[in-house]
């Protein structure tokens, strides 16, 4: 007899207590191998494919797409052991000839769980080909009756320019046809903002039609009413997943950290010329972000007070010898902060490659929890949004963040004469508990000096 084992949502690490089901990778009746991914979930850190530690036949799934489950809740059940009796006659030849089973009896040996629940840490056994096994039909009044399907029917997605399962789910939940949308992303890619805009437009149109039908004119300055006619104009977005995690962290930062900001304009003309010369010399291209990161690590070596955090329980300032540099990355799923480990040991070429790798993973939603935690200092290049300055909120529990605005031509006094130079605004938001204004100002001035005269960096190489 087959044994039915229950697989529960595992602890995905980093103190995560819940996850949302984004996409099921198997259906009831599928045959799964040990450590085969069975579901894609979204945590407050990243998208994760969860592998099943058992091999056998999926007999039940718990939770539809969009359902949020706590750690330890049942995900699915798997029948392991003697599953050949459950197969229809059409699978008999497959059972007898299967390389993993017993050729004489046509039965597969009992599958054993690997005990591993993290992707990439499974057995070396190749995943089995997916097969559909139908449960035996129950007998009613001496006759066989085909049971109602117990698996969820997952709608087939058409050939539309959208890659995010979150965007597909949002459109599906609201009955929106993605084929009717024009994406604002690269090559017409449909983004979450496009779907939200379409939903808001639909709500406004429906409200206007209702007002026209009843002969009612709604004043633009009127306060929102609780009447049913106004309910369609309100959209409520749950604060969960990455959005909820960001909200919690920013609120905690504002509550716990007495932050202050200082800023300075810098002439980045020589920095841009240096980068152009480096790239013209051949080899991998060096990014501006990598040069700014190299400047940051050099500045933190001179002002280690800012590579720190505050232990409020012990009333201690914790200073770190290593620089794990976080950088803000805007993705379709929201703002995330991947971390470049040991940034102080990397040169500009290595930093460029690591920024590119982590950015690609962030946009694909494949960053691991370890790649999103453990930062000691954050670099925020908000200039990519076309803005000059900002006062960003510190990424708790870190003690400081360097913000970089756009680099644009501006009038500038250079060598006693007015000239057009490439100017950038730099801002430093810091925890006033770890240092005073003199230290923060010294750090920012050193960064500006390196931007204006990259040769200053040679002193630390």
Protein backbone atom coordinates (compact mmCIF):
# COMPACT_ATOMS: atom_id res chain seq x y z
CA UNK A 1 0.00 0.00 0.00
CA UNK A 2 1.15 3.53 -0.76
CA UNK A 3 1.90 5.85 2.12
CA UNK A 4 0.57 9.41 1.95
CA UNK A 5 3.05 11.98 3.27
CA UNK A 6 2.30 15.62 3.94
CA UNK A 7 4.78 18.26 2.79
CA UNK A 8 4.56 21.52 4.73
CA UNK A 9 5.79 24.98 3.77
CA UNK A 10 9.41 24.92 4.98
CA UNK A 11 11.30 27.61 6.85
CA UNK A 12 12.86 29.62 4.02
CA UNK A 13 15.36 31.32 6.31
CA UNK A 14 16.10 34.89 7.44
CA UNK A 15 13.19 34.87 9.91
CA UNK A 16 10.51 34.64 7.22
CA UNK A 17 7.21 33.45 8.68
CA UNK A 18 4.93 33.31 5.63
CA UNK A 19 4.87 33.11 1.85
CA UNK A 20 2.34 33.67 -0.92
CA UNK A 21 1.65 31.02 -3.55
CA UNK A 22 2.46 32.56 -6.93
CA UNK A 23 2.31 29.55 -9.23
CA UNK A 24 1.85 25.82 -8.84
CA UNK A 25 4.36 23.79 -10.86
CA UNK A 26 2.51 20.46 -10.44
CA UNK A 27 -1.09 19.30 -10.42
CA UNK A 28 -2.94 16.58 -8.55
CA UNK A 29 -2.07 13.27 -10.22
CA UNK A 30 1.43 14.33 -11.33
CA UNK A 31 4.38 12.10 -10.47
CA UNK A 32 7.17 14.06 -8.82
CA UNK A 33 10.77 13.16 -8.08
CA UNK A 34 12.67 13.84 -4.89
CA UNK A 35 13.68 17.53 -4.73
CA UNK A 36 11.61 18.47 -7.76
CA UNK A 37 10.26 22.07 -7.52
CA UNK A 38 6.50 21.91 -6.96
CA UNK A 39 5.47 25.49 -6.24
CA UNK A 40 6.74 29.03 -6.71
CA UNK A 41 6.17 31.28 -3.70
CA UNK A 42 6.83 34.92 -2.96
CA UNK A 43 8.29 35.87 0.39
CA UNK A 44 9.08 39.29 1.74
CA UNK A 45 12.57 38.81 0.30
CA UNK A 46 12.30 37.11 -3.07
CA UNK A 47 10.56 34.62 -5.33
CA UNK A 48 11.51 31.05 -4.40
CA UNK A 49 10.88 27.69 -6.04
CA UNK A 50 10.15 25.17 -3.29
CA UNK A 51 11.26 21.56 -3.94
CA UNK A 52 9.42 18.58 -2.46
CA UNK A 53 11.53 16.19 -0.35
CA UNK A 54 9.37 13.21 -1.33
CA UNK A 55 8.99 11.30 -4.58
CA UNK A 56 5.62 9.89 -5.60
CA UNK A 57 2.16 10.94 -6.79
CA UNK A 58 0.65 14.29 -5.83
CA UNK A 59 -2.71 13.57 -4.18
CA UNK A 60 -3.70 17.03 -2.96
CA UNK A 61 -2.66 20.69 -3.09
CA UNK A 62 -3.46 23.21 -0.39
CA UNK A 63 -4.08 26.81 -1.40
CA UNK A 64 -4.83 28.51 -4.70
CA UNK A 65 -2.54 31.00 -6.37
CA UNK A 66 -2.53 34.21 -4.36
CA UNK A 67 -3.08 32.40 -1.04
CA UNK A 68 -0.74 33.38 1.79
CA UNK A 69 0.42 30.51 3.97
CA UNK A 70 2.39 30.54 7.23
CA UNK A 71 5.54 28.48 7.62
CA UNK A 72 4.55 24.97 8.68
CA UNK A 73 1.19 24.98 6.89
CA UNK A 74 0.47 22.02 4.55
CA UNK A 75 1.49 22.59 0.92
CA UNK A 76 0.62 19.25 -0.66
CA UNK A 77 0.40 15.53 0.01
CA UNK A 78 2.32 12.86 -1.88
CA UNK A 79 1.56 9.15 -2.11
CA UNK A 80 4.90 7.32 -1.96
CA UNK A 81 5.65 3.65 -2.25
CA UNK A 82 3.66 1.16 -4.34
CA UNK A 83 1.92 3.45 -6.82
CA UNK A 84 1.67 1.04 -9.76
CA UNK A 85 -1.76 -0.19 -8.66
CA UNK A 86 -3.11 3.32 -9.01
CA UNK A 87 -2.05 3.61 -12.65
CA UNK A 88 -4.47 3.02 -15.52
CA UNK A 89 -3.74 0.08 -17.78
CA UNK A 90 -2.24 2.37 -20.42
CA UNK A 91 0.72 3.04 -18.11
CA UNK A 92 1.51 -0.64 -17.46
CA UNK A 93 4.25 -0.85 -20.08
CA UNK A 94 5.84 2.29 -18.76
CA UNK A 95 5.78 0.88 -15.25
CA UNK A 96 7.40 -2.38 -16.32
CA UNK A 97 10.12 -0.72 -18.35
CA UNK A 98 10.89 2.19 -16.03
CA UNK A 99 14.59 2.27 -15.23
CA UNK A 100 14.02 3.30 -11.63
CA UNK A 101 11.52 0.55 -10.81
CA UNK A 102 11.56 -3.20 -10.46
CA UNK A 103 11.37 -4.67 -13.98
CA UNK A 104 9.81 -7.92 -12.80
CA UNK A 105 6.93 -6.55 -10.78
CA UNK A 106 6.47 -3.23 -12.54
CA UNK A 107 6.40 -1.47 -9.18
CA UNK A 108 8.53 1.46 -8.13
CA UNK A 109 10.38 1.27 -4.83
CA UNK A 110 9.20 3.41 -1.99
CA UNK A 111 10.49 6.94 -2.44
CA UNK A 112 12.38 8.44 0.44
CA UNK A 113 12.51 12.11 1.32
CA UNK A 114 15.83 13.87 0.97
CA UNK A 115 15.17 16.15 3.90
CA UNK A 116 16.28 19.08 1.73
CA UNK A 117 13.91 21.94 1.10
CA UNK A 118 16.13 24.58 -0.53
CA UNK A 119 16.62 24.74 -4.27
CA UNK A 120 20.06 23.55 -5.31
CA UNK A 121 20.62 21.29 -2.33
CA UNK A 122 18.96 18.10 -3.48
CA UNK A 123 20.05 14.65 -4.53
CA UNK A 124 21.86 13.98 -7.76
CA UNK A 125 18.98 11.90 -9.09
CA UNK A 126 17.60 13.29 -12.36
CA UNK A 127 13.99 14.54 -12.16
CA UNK A 128 11.47 11.98 -13.35
CA UNK A 129 9.31 12.64 -16.37
CA UNK A 130 5.97 14.06 -15.28
CA UNK A 131 3.15 11.55 -15.60
CA UNK A 132 -0.51 11.98 -14.82
CA UNK A 133 -2.03 9.31 -12.57
CA UNK A 134 -5.78 9.27 -12.14
CA UNK A 135 -7.26 8.07 -8.84
CA UNK A 136 -9.20 4.82 -9.01
CA UNK A 137 -12.90 5.38 -9.72
CA UNK A 138 -15.17 4.68 -6.71
CA UNK A 139 -17.96 2.10 -6.94
CA UNK A 140 -21.54 3.39 -6.69
CA UNK A 141 -24.35 0.79 -6.72
CA UNK A 142 -21.95 -1.75 -8.19
CA UNK A 143 -20.92 0.58 -11.04
CA UNK A 144 -17.77 2.59 -11.57
CA UNK A 145 -18.21 6.34 -11.54
CA UNK A 146 -15.51 8.78 -12.59
CA UNK A 147 -14.81 11.14 -9.68
CA UNK A 148 -14.94 14.88 -10.02
CA UNK A 149 -11.46 16.38 -10.68
CA UNK A 150 -9.82 17.59 -7.51
CA UNK A 151 -7.03 19.55 -9.11
CA UNK A 152 -7.27 23.26 -9.78
CA UNK A 153 -7.53 24.27 -13.43
CA UNK A 154 -4.79 26.71 -14.27
CA UNK A 155 -5.77 28.97 -17.18
CA UNK A 156 -3.50 28.93 -20.20
CA UNK A 157 -1.71 32.23 -20.79
CA UNK A 158 -1.81 33.54 -24.33
CA UNK A 159 1.13 34.92 -26.30
CA UNK A 160 1.17 38.36 -24.71
CA UNK A 161 4.30 40.37 -23.85
CA UNK A 162 4.36 39.77 -20.10
CA UNK A 163 6.84 37.71 -18.11
CA UNK A 164 5.80 38.30 -14.52
CA UNK A 165 3.40 35.77 -12.95
CA UNK A 166 2.35 38.51 -10.53
CA UNK A 167 1.15 40.69 -13.41
CA UNK A 168 -0.74 37.75 -14.92
CA UNK A 169 -2.37 36.95 -11.60
CA UNK A 170 -3.39 40.58 -10.97
CA UNK A 171 -5.02 40.74 -14.41
CA UNK A 172 -6.70 37.36 -13.97
CA UNK A 173 -8.12 38.25 -10.55
CA UNK A 174 -9.70 41.41 -11.97
CA UNK A 175 -10.94 39.87 -15.22
CA UNK A 176 -8.61 41.97 -17.37
CA UNK A 177 -7.54 40.72 -20.81
CA UNK A 178 -3.82 41.39 -21.18
CA UNK A 179 -4.16 41.30 -24.97
CA UNK A 180 -6.01 44.61 -24.79
CA UNK A 181 -3.10 46.41 -23.11
CA UNK A 182 -0.10 48.18 -24.57
CA UNK A 183 2.95 47.68 -22.39
CA UNK A 184 5.13 50.61 -21.32
CA UNK A 185 8.19 48.42 -20.70
CA UNK A 186 11.02 47.53 -23.09
CA UNK A 187 9.73 46.11 -26.40
CA UNK A 188 6.14 46.62 -25.26
CA UNK A 189 6.53 44.52 -22.09
CA UNK A 190 3.40 44.77 -19.93
CA UNK A 191 4.31 45.91 -16.42
CA UNK A 192 2.33 45.88 -13.21
CA UNK A 193 1.86 49.64 -13.52
CA UNK A 194 0.12 49.09 -16.88
CA UNK A 195 -2.36 46.67 -15.32
CA UNK A 196 -3.04 48.94 -12.35
CA UNK A 197 -3.56 51.90 -14.68
CA UNK A 198 -6.02 49.91 -16.79
CA UNK A 199 -7.95 48.84 -13.68
CA UNK A 200 -8.10 52.42 -12.40
CA UNK A 201 -9.28 53.63 -15.81
CA UNK A 202 -11.95 50.93 -15.89
CA UNK A 203 -13.18 51.91 -12.43
CA UNK A 204 -13.35 55.59 -13.41
CA UNK A 205 -15.23 54.77 -16.61
CA UNK A 206 -17.72 52.59 -14.73
CA UNK A 207 -18.31 55.35 -12.19
CA UNK A 208 -18.84 57.98 -14.88
CA UNK A 209 -21.35 55.75 -16.65
CA UNK A 210 -23.22 55.21 -13.40
CA UNK A 211 -23.31 58.96 -12.74
CA UNK A 212 -24.56 59.63 -16.27
CA UNK A 213 -27.27 56.99 -16.01
CA UNK A 214 -28.64 58.45 -12.78
CA UNK A 215 -28.22 62.07 -13.87
CA UNK A 216 -25.89 62.70 -10.95
CA UNK A 217 -22.86 65.01 -11.07
CA UNK A 218 -20.13 64.36 -8.52
CA UNK A 219 -18.20 67.43 -7.43
CA UNK A 220 -14.43 66.99 -7.64
CA UNK A 221 -13.99 68.66 -4.26
CA UNK A 222 -16.57 66.54 -2.46
CA UNK A 223 -15.33 64.31 0.35
CA UNK A 224 -15.36 60.56 -0.39
CA UNK A 225 -18.73 59.11 0.55
CA UNK A 226 -19.41 55.65 1.90
CA UNK A 227 -22.25 55.09 -0.56
CA UNK A 228 -22.13 52.05 -2.88
CA UNK A 229 -21.82 54.34 -5.90
CA UNK A 230 -18.43 55.57 -4.69
CA UNK A 231 -17.00 52.20 -3.71
CA UNK A 232 -15.80 51.41 -7.25
CA UNK A 233 -13.50 54.47 -7.26
CA UNK A 234 -11.42 53.17 -4.35
CA UNK A 235 -8.61 50.67 -4.83
CA UNK A 236 -7.14 48.90 -1.82
CA UNK A 237 -3.70 47.33 -2.24
CA UNK A 238 -2.66 44.87 0.51
CA UNK A 239 0.63 45.69 2.20
CA UNK A 240 2.17 42.25 1.88
CA UNK A 241 5.06 40.54 0.17
CA UNK A 242 7.89 42.86 -0.79
CA UNK A 243 5.69 45.96 -0.50
CA UNK A 244 4.76 45.03 3.05
CA UNK A 245 8.35 44.21 4.01
CA UNK A 246 9.55 47.56 2.65
CA UNK A 247 6.80 49.38 4.54
CA UNK A 248 7.73 47.68 7.81
CA UNK A 249 11.44 48.37 7.38
CA UNK A 250 10.98 52.03 6.44
CA UNK A 251 8.58 52.60 9.32
CA UNK A 252 11.03 51.01 11.73
CA UNK A 253 13.86 53.12 10.34
CA UNK A 254 11.92 56.35 10.83
CA UNK A 255 10.84 55.27 14.32
CA UNK A 256 14.21 54.12 15.64
CA UNK A 257 16.87 56.09 13.75
CA UNK A 258 17.45 59.83 14.37
CA UNK A 259 18.66 60.52 10.87
CA UNK A 260 20.13 63.66 9.32
CA UNK A 261 21.11 64.52 5.77
CA UNK A 262 23.90 66.61 4.27
CA UNK A 263 24.57 67.15 0.58
CA UNK A 264 27.00 68.76 -1.84
CA UNK A 265 27.24 69.41 -5.59
CA UNK A 266 30.30 67.94 -7.30
CA UNK A 267 31.90 68.33 -10.71
CA UNK A 268 31.88 64.80 -12.14
CA UNK A 269 33.49 65.74 -15.46
CA UNK A 270 36.83 64.11 -14.66
CA UNK A 271 35.13 60.99 -13.31
CA UNK A 272 33.25 60.56 -16.58
CA UNK A 273 36.44 61.13 -18.57
CA UNK A 274 38.26 58.56 -16.46
CA UNK A 275 35.54 56.01 -17.06
CA UNK A 276 35.62 56.68 -20.81
CA UNK A 277 39.40 56.18 -20.84
CA UNK A 278 39.12 52.92 -18.88
CA UNK A 279 36.51 51.57 -21.29
CA UNK A 280 38.50 52.66 -24.33
CA UNK A 281 41.48 50.64 -23.08
CA UNK A 282 39.60 47.39 -23.77
CA UNK A 283 38.18 44.66 -21.59
CA UNK A 284 34.80 44.61 -19.83
CA UNK A 285 33.05 47.96 -19.61
CA UNK A 286 33.13 49.70 -16.25
CA UNK A 287 29.88 51.19 -14.94
CA UNK A 288 29.51 54.53 -13.19
CA UNK A 289 27.88 52.73 -10.27
CA UNK A 290 30.98 50.56 -9.87
CA UNK A 291 33.24 53.63 -9.71
CA UNK A 292 30.95 55.23 -7.13
CA UNK A 293 31.00 51.99 -5.13
CA UNK A 294 34.80 51.96 -5.23
CA UNK A 295 34.78 55.54 -3.95
CA UNK A 296 32.36 54.53 -1.16
CA UNK A 297 34.56 51.69 0.07
CA UNK A 298 37.59 53.98 0.10
CA UNK A 299 35.63 56.60 2.06
CA UNK A 300 34.41 54.02 4.58
CA UNK A 301 38.01 52.94 5.16
CA UNK A 302 38.74 56.53 6.22
CA UNK A 303 35.47 56.98 8.13
CA UNK A 304 34.60 53.54 9.58
CA UNK A 305 32.05 55.10 11.94
CA UNK A 306 29.53 54.99 9.10
CA UNK A 307 29.99 51.30 8.33
CA UNK A 308 28.02 50.39 11.43
CA UNK A 309 24.70 49.77 13.13
CA UNK A 310 23.26 50.42 16.59
CA UNK A 311 22.35 47.61 18.98
CA UNK A 312 19.56 49.34 20.89
CA UNK A 313 19.18 46.50 23.38
CA UNK A 314 22.83 46.57 24.43
CA UNK A 315 23.14 50.35 23.81
CA UNK A 316 26.20 49.74 21.68
CA UNK A 317 27.46 50.89 18.28
CA UNK A 318 28.52 47.91 16.20
CA UNK A 319 31.23 48.71 13.65
CA UNK A 320 32.02 46.29 10.82
CA UNK A 321 35.44 45.57 9.39
CA UNK A 322 33.99 44.32 6.09
CA UNK A 323 31.88 46.38 3.71
CA UNK A 324 28.81 44.56 2.40
CA UNK A 325 27.46 47.17 0.03
CA UNK A 326 23.74 47.28 -0.67
CA UNK A 327 22.38 49.13 -3.70
CA UNK A 328 18.81 50.14 -4.40
CA UNK A 329 17.25 48.38 -7.40
CA UNK A 330 13.78 49.23 -8.68
CA UNK A 331 12.01 46.17 -10.06
CA UNK A 332 8.54 45.32 -11.28
CA UNK A 333 7.83 43.78 -7.88
CA UNK A 334 9.01 46.85 -5.97
CA UNK A 335 12.18 48.27 -4.48
CA UNK A 336 14.78 45.73 -3.37
CA UNK A 337 18.30 46.17 -2.03
CA UNK A 338 20.68 43.42 -3.19
CA UNK A 339 24.00 43.21 -1.33
CA UNK A 340 27.49 42.99 -2.84
CA UNK A 341 29.51 40.94 -0.38
CA UNK A 342 33.01 42.12 0.55
CA UNK A 343 32.78 45.13 -1.74
CA UNK A 344 35.97 46.56 -0.20
CA UNK A 345 38.00 43.69 -1.70
CA UNK A 346 36.69 44.16 -5.26
CA UNK A 347 38.05 46.30 -8.06
CA UNK A 348 35.89 48.29 -10.49
CA UNK A 349 35.65 45.41 -12.96
CA UNK A 350 34.53 42.93 -10.32
CA UNK A 351 32.02 45.41 -8.89
CA UNK A 352 30.56 46.03 -12.37
CA UNK A 353 30.06 42.31 -12.94
CA UNK A 354 28.46 41.75 -9.53
CA UNK A 355 26.11 44.72 -9.91
CA UNK A 356 25.01 43.38 -13.29
CA UNK A 357 24.44 39.86 -11.93
CA UNK A 358 22.42 40.98 -8.93
CA UNK A 359 20.39 43.49 -10.95
CA UNK A 360 19.42 40.81 -13.46
CA UNK A 361 18.43 38.46 -10.65
CA UNK A 362 16.40 41.22 -8.98
CA UNK A 363 14.42 41.91 -12.14
CA UNK A 364 13.83 38.20 -12.68
CA UNK A 365 12.72 37.78 -9.06
CA UNK A 366 15.33 35.09 -8.37
CA UNK A 367 17.35 36.78 -5.64
CA UNK A 368 17.87 34.57 -2.62
CA UNK A 369 17.20 35.81 0.92
CA UNK A 370 20.97 35.75 1.56
CA UNK A 371 21.51 38.15 -1.36
CA UNK A 372 19.04 40.61 0.13
CA UNK A 373 20.29 40.78 3.70
CA UNK A 374 23.43 41.51 5.67
CA UNK A 375 24.31 44.89 4.17
CA UNK A 376 26.40 47.38 6.17
CA UNK A 377 26.09 50.46 3.92
CA UNK A 378 23.81 51.34 0.99
CA UNK A 379 24.47 53.19 -2.27
CA UNK A 380 21.31 54.68 -3.79
CA UNK A 381 21.58 55.89 -7.39
CA UNK A 382 18.24 57.68 -7.75
CA UNK A 383 19.67 59.68 -10.65
CA UNK A 384 18.41 56.95 -12.97
CA UNK A 385 14.89 58.32 -12.32
CA UNK A 386 15.92 61.71 -13.69
CA UNK A 387 16.05 63.53 -10.34
CA UNK A 388 18.84 65.60 -8.86
CA UNK A 389 18.46 65.11 -5.13
CA UNK A 390 16.69 63.18 -2.40
CA UNK A 391 16.69 62.54 1.34
CA UNK A 392 16.38 58.74 1.37
CA UNK A 393 15.37 56.74 4.42
CA UNK A 394 18.20 54.67 5.88
CA UNK A 395 18.01 50.94 5.20
CA UNK A 396 17.53 49.71 8.78
CA UNK A 397 19.60 48.55 10.66
CA UNK A 398 22.42 50.24 8.74
CA UNK A 399 23.74 53.63 9.81
CA UNK A 400 24.13 55.52 6.53
CA UNK A 401 23.22 55.74 2.85
CA UNK A 402 24.89 57.67 0.04
CA UNK A 403 22.49 59.08 -2.54
CA UNK A 404 23.57 60.01 -6.07
CA UNK A 405 21.51 62.22 -8.38
CA UNK A 406 21.67 62.47 -12.15
CA UNK A 407 24.86 63.68 -13.81
CA UNK A 408 23.91 66.55 -16.13
CA UNK A 409 25.64 69.49 -17.86
CA UNK A 410 25.39 72.65 -15.78
CA UNK A 411 27.14 76.03 -15.57
CA UNK A 412 30.11 75.67 -13.23
CA UNK A 413 33.06 77.82 -12.25
CA UNK A 414 36.10 75.83 -13.35
CA UNK A 415 39.62 77.18 -12.87
CA UNK A 416 38.26 80.69 -12.36
CA UNK A 417 36.05 80.71 -15.45
CA UNK A 418 32.45 79.87 -16.13
CA UNK A 419 32.14 76.60 -18.05
CA UNK A 420 29.66 73.84 -18.75
CA UNK A 421 30.57 70.82 -16.61
CA UNK A 422 29.02 67.45 -15.71
CA UNK A 423 27.55 68.11 -12.25
CA UNK A 424 26.05 65.67 -9.76
CA UNK A 425 24.44 66.18 -6.37
CA UNK A 426 25.60 63.81 -3.62
CA UNK A 427 23.68 63.36 -0.37
CA UNK A 428 24.50 61.43 2.78
CA UNK A 429 21.76 60.37 5.18
CA UNK A 430 23.26 59.11 8.43
CA UNK A 431 22.31 57.90 11.89
CA UNK A 432 23.24 60.76 14.20
CA UNK A 433 23.86 58.28 17.02
CA UNK A 434 26.93 56.77 15.33
CA UNK A 435 28.68 60.04 14.52
CA UNK A 436 28.43 63.81 14.53
CA UNK A 437 28.16 66.19 11.60
CA UNK A 438 31.92 66.54 11.34
CA UNK A 439 32.39 62.86 10.50
CA UNK A 440 29.45 62.82 8.08
CA UNK A 441 30.69 65.99 6.40
CA UNK A 442 34.21 64.61 6.15
CA UNK A 443 32.94 61.42 4.51
CA UNK A 444 30.83 63.29 1.99
CA UNK A 445 33.61 65.77 1.19
CA UNK A 446 36.04 62.91 0.53
CA UNK A 447 33.52 61.27 -1.80
CA UNK A 448 33.05 64.57 -3.65
CA UNK A 449 36.82 65.04 -3.94
CA UNK A 450 37.18 61.57 -5.48
CA UNK A 451 34.38 62.33 -7.93
CA UNK A 452 36.01 65.62 -8.94
CA UNK A 453 39.57 64.24 -8.95
CA UNK A 454 39.60 60.44 -9.37
CA UNK A 455 43.37 60.47 -8.89
CA UNK A 456 42.66 60.93 -5.17
CA UNK A 457 41.73 57.26 -5.14
CA UNK A 458 45.31 56.31 -6.03
CA UNK A 459 46.29 57.06 -2.45
CA UNK A 460 44.23 54.07 -1.25
CA UNK A 461 45.10 51.57 -4.02
